Amino acid sequence: MSLIVEERKGAVMVWTLDRPDRLNALPDLEDGEAFAAACDAVNADPSIRCVVMTGAGRAFSAGGDLKAMKDRRDLFEGSGAAIRERYRRVVHRIVRALYGLEVPLISAVNGPAMGLGCDIAGLGDIRIASERASFGVPFMKLGIIPGDGGSWLLPRNIGYNRAAELLFTARSIDAATAEQWGLVNRVVPHEALMDEAMQTADQIAAQPPQALRMAKSLLRQGRDMNFDQMLELSAAMQALAHLTDDHIEGVSAVLEKRAGDFTGN
C-alpha cells in the first residue's frame, strides 16, 4: 500500500502519510517514487491549486526506521557507495519532488516530526502545528548527519544559530517553541488542525492559479538570486500574468467590489 493517501477536496489535494503503526516512518524504498508521482500529478493538473499534507495516527512522521538502520537493511544495506546511491534515488527524490511542487504546500503537523519527517514538514510553504506536535533533527544522537538536505533547509527556515542548536544538541522542541522560532506559522488545538489547514488552503485556492504558481516560483527562486536577477524574472512573469483572462477578471472584481471568479485562463 502506498505511503500517501490522496483525497481531493475541490481545488485542494489532501495527502495523508499513512503508516501509523510505524509512526509514519520513512523512507521505505518505494517512497521516492510515491512522492515523485504525487507531485508530478499535481504539477500536471491546473485545477489543483493547493496541497495539504498531514500524518495518520499520532505522528506526522518519526523519520527513519531505526530497526532498519540497526539491521543495515533496505535503505541502509551494503557498501557506502550503495547507501549513497539509495539516498540519492529515494531520500533525495522525496525532497526534490516536494521542493519542486508548483502549488502552495501546507504542512498540517499533527504530532511528532523528527529527522526526515521534520525536514519534510519544513518543505511546506505554510506550516500549521497541532499543540501535540514536536520537532527535532536527532541525527547526532544516531551518529549520522542530515542526509536529506536539512542542513540547507533548516537554517533558511529558522536561522543558522537555531538550526545549529537543534542539530548539534539533537534535542526536540515543542509546538510553542517551534512557533516562536518561526518553524511553524501558528499552533492550534489538535482537534482544529485540519479545519485550520483547510480554511487556509481554501483561501489560497480562491486565487488565480497561474499567478499563484508564478508567485510560489518567485519566492522559492528568490532565496538564491540576487536582486537584479529577481527583478528580471519578475518582469518576465508579470508580463505573462498581464496577458491572462484572470488578470482582467481580478481587476474587474476589485472595481465591482465582488469576489473574483478565476478559471486559470
Protein backbone atom coordinates (compact mmCIF):
# COMPACT_ATOMS: atom_id res chain seq x y z
CA MET A 1 0.00 0.00 0.00
CA SER A 2 1.32 3.44 -0.92
CA LEU A 3 2.55 5.71 1.86
CA ILE A 4 0.45 8.62 0.56
CA VAL A 5 -3.34 8.53 0.73
CA GLU A 6 -4.85 11.20 -1.52
CA GLU A 7 -8.20 12.93 -1.08
CA ARG A 8 -9.43 15.63 -3.43
CA LYS A 9 -11.49 18.43 -1.85
CA GLY A 10 -12.44 20.86 -4.59
CA ALA A 11 -9.28 22.60 -5.78
CA VAL A 12 -7.32 21.27 -2.77
CA MET A 13 -5.50 17.93 -2.63
CA VAL A 14 -5.01 16.40 0.82
CA TRP A 15 -2.10 13.99 1.30
CA THR A 16 -2.02 11.81 4.40
CA LEU A 17 1.14 9.90 5.29
CA ASP A 18 -0.48 6.59 6.13
CA ARG A 19 1.87 4.32 8.05
CA PRO A 20 0.52 4.90 11.56
CA ASP A 21 1.69 1.57 13.00
CA ARG A 22 5.28 2.79 12.41
CA LEU A 23 4.60 6.45 13.28
CA ASN A 24 4.72 7.16 9.54
CA ALA A 25 8.40 6.26 9.40
CA LEU A 26 10.11 6.84 6.06
CA PRO A 27 11.54 6.20 3.66
CA ASP A 28 10.83 2.70 2.50
CA LEU A 29 12.47 2.02 -0.84
CA GLU A 30 9.31 2.78 -2.82
CA ASP A 31 8.62 6.11 -1.10
CA GLY A 32 10.71 8.18 -3.50
CA GLU A 33 8.54 7.04 -6.38
CA ALA A 34 5.36 7.65 -4.35
CA PHE A 35 6.25 11.28 -3.63
CA ALA A 36 7.51 11.91 -7.15
CA ALA A 37 4.32 10.51 -8.69
CA ALA A 38 2.07 12.51 -6.34
CA CYS A 39 3.92 15.77 -7.02
CA ASP A 40 4.07 15.18 -10.77
CA ALA A 41 0.32 14.57 -10.86
CA VAL A 42 -0.40 17.83 -9.04
CA ASN A 43 2.02 19.81 -11.21
CA ALA A 44 0.32 18.47 -14.34
CA ASP A 45 -3.21 19.29 -13.13
CA PRO A 46 -4.00 23.02 -13.36
CA SER A 47 -7.26 22.51 -11.46
CA ILE A 48 -5.33 21.76 -8.25
CA ARG A 49 -4.36 24.99 -6.51
CA CYS A 50 -3.08 23.85 -3.10
CA VAL A 51 -1.90 20.70 -1.28
CA VAL A 52 -2.31 19.95 2.43
CA MET A 53 -0.01 17.27 3.87
CA THR A 54 -0.56 15.63 7.26
CA GLY A 55 0.04 12.32 9.04
CA ALA A 56 -2.24 9.47 10.08
CA GLY A 57 -2.38 8.49 13.74
CA ARG A 58 -0.43 10.27 16.45
CA ALA A 59 2.66 11.31 14.45
CA PHE A 60 3.35 13.41 11.41
CA SER A 61 6.46 11.32 10.73
CA ALA A 62 9.04 9.85 13.09
CA GLY A 63 11.62 9.89 10.30
CA GLY A 64 13.97 6.99 9.60
CA ASP A 65 13.28 3.39 10.60
CA LEU A 66 15.73 2.72 13.46
CA LYS A 67 15.31 -1.06 13.25
CA ALA A 68 16.27 -1.00 9.59
CA MET A 69 19.28 1.17 10.46
CA LYS A 70 20.41 -1.25 13.18
CA ASP A 71 19.96 -4.28 10.92
CA ARG A 72 21.60 -2.45 7.97
CA ARG A 73 18.85 -3.45 5.62
CA ASP A 74 16.67 -1.75 2.99
CA LEU A 75 17.94 1.83 2.55
CA PHE A 76 20.94 1.13 4.78
CA GLU A 77 22.18 -2.14 3.27
CA GLY A 78 25.53 -2.75 1.62
CA SER A 79 28.54 -0.58 0.96
CA GLY A 80 28.87 3.15 1.50
CA ALA A 81 28.54 3.65 -2.24
CA ALA A 82 25.31 1.64 -2.30
CA ILE A 83 23.85 3.58 0.63
CA ARG A 84 24.79 6.88 -1.01
CA GLU A 85 23.05 5.86 -4.21
CA ARG A 86 19.88 4.89 -2.33
CA TYR A 87 19.85 8.24 -0.57
CA ARG A 88 20.03 9.89 -3.97
CA ARG A 89 17.35 7.69 -5.52
CA VAL A 90 14.93 7.57 -2.57
CA VAL A 91 15.51 10.29 0.05
CA HIS A 92 16.62 12.96 -2.38
CA ARG A 93 13.81 12.09 -4.75
CA ILE A 94 11.32 12.77 -1.95
CA VAL A 95 12.70 16.18 -1.01
CA ARG A 96 13.34 17.24 -4.62
CA ALA A 97 9.76 16.32 -5.53
CA LEU A 98 8.31 18.30 -2.62
CA TYR A 99 10.58 21.28 -3.24
CA GLY A 100 9.54 21.23 -6.90
CA LEU A 101 5.80 21.20 -6.13
CA GLU A 102 4.40 24.11 -8.13
CA VAL A 103 1.36 24.87 -5.97
CA PRO A 104 1.47 26.02 -2.34
CA LEU A 105 2.03 23.22 0.16
CA ILE A 106 0.60 23.40 3.68
CA SER A 107 2.15 21.10 6.27
CA ALA A 108 -0.50 20.27 8.89
CA VAL A 109 1.74 18.80 11.58
CA ASN A 110 -0.43 16.63 13.80
CA GLY A 111 2.26 15.12 16.04
CA PRO A 112 6.00 14.44 16.26
CA ALA A 113 8.01 15.39 13.15
CA MET A 114 11.53 14.04 13.56
CA GLY A 115 14.57 13.78 11.30
CA LEU A 116 13.45 13.41 7.72
CA GLY A 117 9.90 13.96 8.98
CA CYS A 118 10.88 17.36 10.36
CA ASP A 119 12.59 18.34 7.12
CA ILE A 120 9.61 17.18 5.03
CA ALA A 121 7.30 19.27 7.21
CA GLY A 122 9.72 22.16 6.73
CA LEU A 123 9.27 21.96 2.97
CA GLY A 124 5.74 23.25 3.41
CA ASP A 125 5.30 26.85 2.29
CA ILE A 126 2.95 27.30 5.24
CA ARG A 127 3.27 25.17 8.37
CA ILE A 128 0.45 24.80 10.90
CA ALA A 129 1.02 22.70 14.01
CA SER A 130 -1.22 20.92 16.44
CA GLU A 131 -0.47 21.64 20.08
CA ARG A 132 0.63 17.99 20.20
CA ALA A 133 3.32 18.48 17.56
CA SER A 134 7.04 18.39 18.29
CA PHE A 135 10.07 18.85 16.06
CA GLY A 136 13.64 17.63 16.04
CA VAL A 137 16.59 16.60 13.90
CA PRO A 138 18.22 13.99 16.16
CA PHE A 139 20.80 12.80 13.63
CA MET A 140 23.74 13.39 16.02
CA LYS A 141 22.13 11.07 18.56
CA LEU A 142 22.32 8.33 15.92
CA GLY A 143 25.87 9.10 14.83
CA ILE A 144 24.81 10.39 11.41
CA ILE A 145 24.16 13.71 9.70
CA PRO A 146 21.17 15.13 7.77
CA GLY A 147 21.33 13.17 4.51
CA ASP A 148 18.15 14.78 3.21
CA GLY A 149 19.31 18.36 2.60
CA GLY A 150 18.10 19.52 6.00
CA SER A 151 21.36 21.38 6.66
CA TRP A 152 20.42 23.64 3.71
CA LEU A 153 16.70 23.91 4.52
CA LEU A 154 16.59 24.34 8.30
CA PRO A 155 18.81 27.48 8.50
CA ARG A 156 16.62 29.07 5.85
CA ASN A 157 13.53 28.32 7.93
CA ILE A 158 14.72 29.31 11.41
CA GLY A 159 18.15 30.93 11.03
CA TYR A 160 21.65 29.48 11.37
CA ASN A 161 22.02 29.72 15.15
CA ARG A 162 18.73 27.98 15.94
CA ALA A 163 19.32 25.33 13.29
CA ALA A 164 22.77 24.75 14.79
CA GLU A 165 21.30 24.35 18.26
CA LEU A 166 18.73 21.81 17.10
CA LEU A 167 21.24 19.82 15.07
CA PHE A 168 24.21 19.90 17.46
CA THR A 169 22.23 19.11 20.63
CA ALA A 170 19.87 16.57 19.00
CA ARG A 171 17.08 17.84 21.23
CA SER A 172 13.48 18.35 20.17
CA ILE A 173 11.23 21.37 20.64
CA ASP A 174 7.53 21.59 21.33
CA ALA A 175 4.97 23.31 19.13
CA ALA A 176 5.03 26.57 21.09
CA THR A 177 8.82 26.87 20.69
CA ALA A 178 8.54 25.98 17.00
CA GLU A 179 6.11 28.88 16.58
CA GLN A 180 8.41 31.24 18.50
CA TRP A 181 11.36 30.20 16.32
CA GLY A 182 9.41 30.58 13.08
CA LEU A 183 9.43 26.90 12.18
CA VAL A 184 5.61 26.98 12.07
CA ASN A 185 3.22 29.80 11.24
CA ARG A 186 0.90 29.06 14.13
CA VAL A 187 -0.20 26.46 16.65
CA VAL A 188 -3.85 25.43 17.01
CA PRO A 189 -5.78 22.99 19.21
CA HIS A 190 -5.30 19.44 17.97
CA GLU A 191 -8.96 18.96 17.06
CA ALA A 192 -8.92 22.15 14.96
CA LEU A 193 -5.78 21.36 12.95
CA MET A 194 -7.32 20.13 9.72
CA ASP A 195 -10.11 22.71 9.80
CA GLU A 196 -7.49 25.45 10.12
CA ALA A 197 -5.35 23.94 7.36
CA MET A 198 -8.32 23.56 5.03
CA GLN A 199 -9.54 27.10 5.71
CA THR A 200 -6.12 28.41 4.72
CA ALA A 201 -6.00 26.09 1.71
CA ASP A 202 -9.41 27.28 0.53
CA GLN A 203 -8.27 30.90 0.77
CA ILE A 204 -5.24 30.01 -1.35
CA ALA A 205 -7.34 28.03 -3.82
CA ALA A 206 -9.55 31.06 -4.41
CA GLN A 207 -6.64 32.89 -6.05
CA PRO A 208 -5.86 32.87 -9.81
CA PRO A 209 -3.98 29.61 -10.39
CA GLN A 210 -1.38 30.77 -12.93
CA ALA A 211 -0.40 33.78 -10.83
CA LEU A 212 -0.35 31.54 -7.75
CA ARG A 213 2.16 29.15 -9.27
CA MET A 214 4.30 32.02 -10.54
CA ALA A 215 4.26 33.69 -7.12
CA LYS A 216 5.48 30.50 -5.45
CA SER A 217 8.23 30.16 -8.04
CA LEU A 218 9.38 33.73 -7.35
CA LEU A 219 9.51 33.14 -3.59
CA ARG A 220 11.48 29.91 -3.97
CA GLN A 221 13.95 31.25 -6.55
CA GLY A 222 14.37 34.45 -4.59
CA ARG A 223 16.21 32.52 -1.89
CA ASP A 224 19.22 32.12 -4.14
CA MET A 225 19.02 35.00 -6.65
CA ASN A 226 20.45 38.45 -6.32
CA PHE A 227 18.10 41.43 -6.52
CA ASP A 228 18.81 42.26 -10.17
CA GLN A 229 18.13 38.67 -11.24
CA MET A 230 14.87 38.68 -9.31
CA LEU A 231 13.77 41.93 -10.93
CA GLU A 232 14.36 40.49 -14.40
CA LEU A 233 12.46 37.27 -13.62
CA SER A 234 9.63 39.25 -12.01
CA ALA A 235 9.25 41.45 -15.07
CA ALA A 236 9.07 38.41 -17.37
CA MET A 237 6.49 36.63 -15.25
CA GLN A 238 4.49 39.81 -14.74
CA ALA A 239 4.25 40.32 -18.49
CA LEU A 240 2.73 36.83 -18.81
CA ALA A 241 0.34 37.47 -15.93
CA HIS A 242 -0.93 40.69 -17.52
CA LEU A 243 -1.99 38.70 -20.60
CA THR A 244 -4.24 36.26 -18.71
CA ASP A 245 -8.02 36.43 -18.55
CA ASP A 246 -7.73 36.03 -14.78
CA HIS A 247 -5.90 39.36 -14.56
CA ILE A 248 -8.80 41.17 -16.22
CA GLU A 249 -11.24 39.26 -14.01
CA GLY A 250 -9.29 40.27 -10.92
CA VAL A 251 -9.25 43.95 -11.88
CA SER A 252 -12.95 43.85 -12.73
CA ALA A 253 -13.81 42.12 -9.45
CA VAL A 254 -11.97 44.73 -7.38
CA LEU A 255 -13.62 47.60 -9.27
CA GLU A 256 -17.03 45.98 -8.90
CA LYS A 257 -16.43 45.15 -5.21
CA ARG A 258 -17.02 41.41 -5.60
CA ALA A 259 -15.00 38.21 -5.28
CA GLY A 260 -13.03 37.17 -8.34
CA ASP A 261 -14.03 34.07 -10.26
CA PHE A 262 -10.72 32.72 -11.55
CA THR A 263 -10.59 29.99 -14.17
CA GLY A 264 -6.88 29.60 -14.85
CA ASN A 265 -7.10 31.20 -18.30
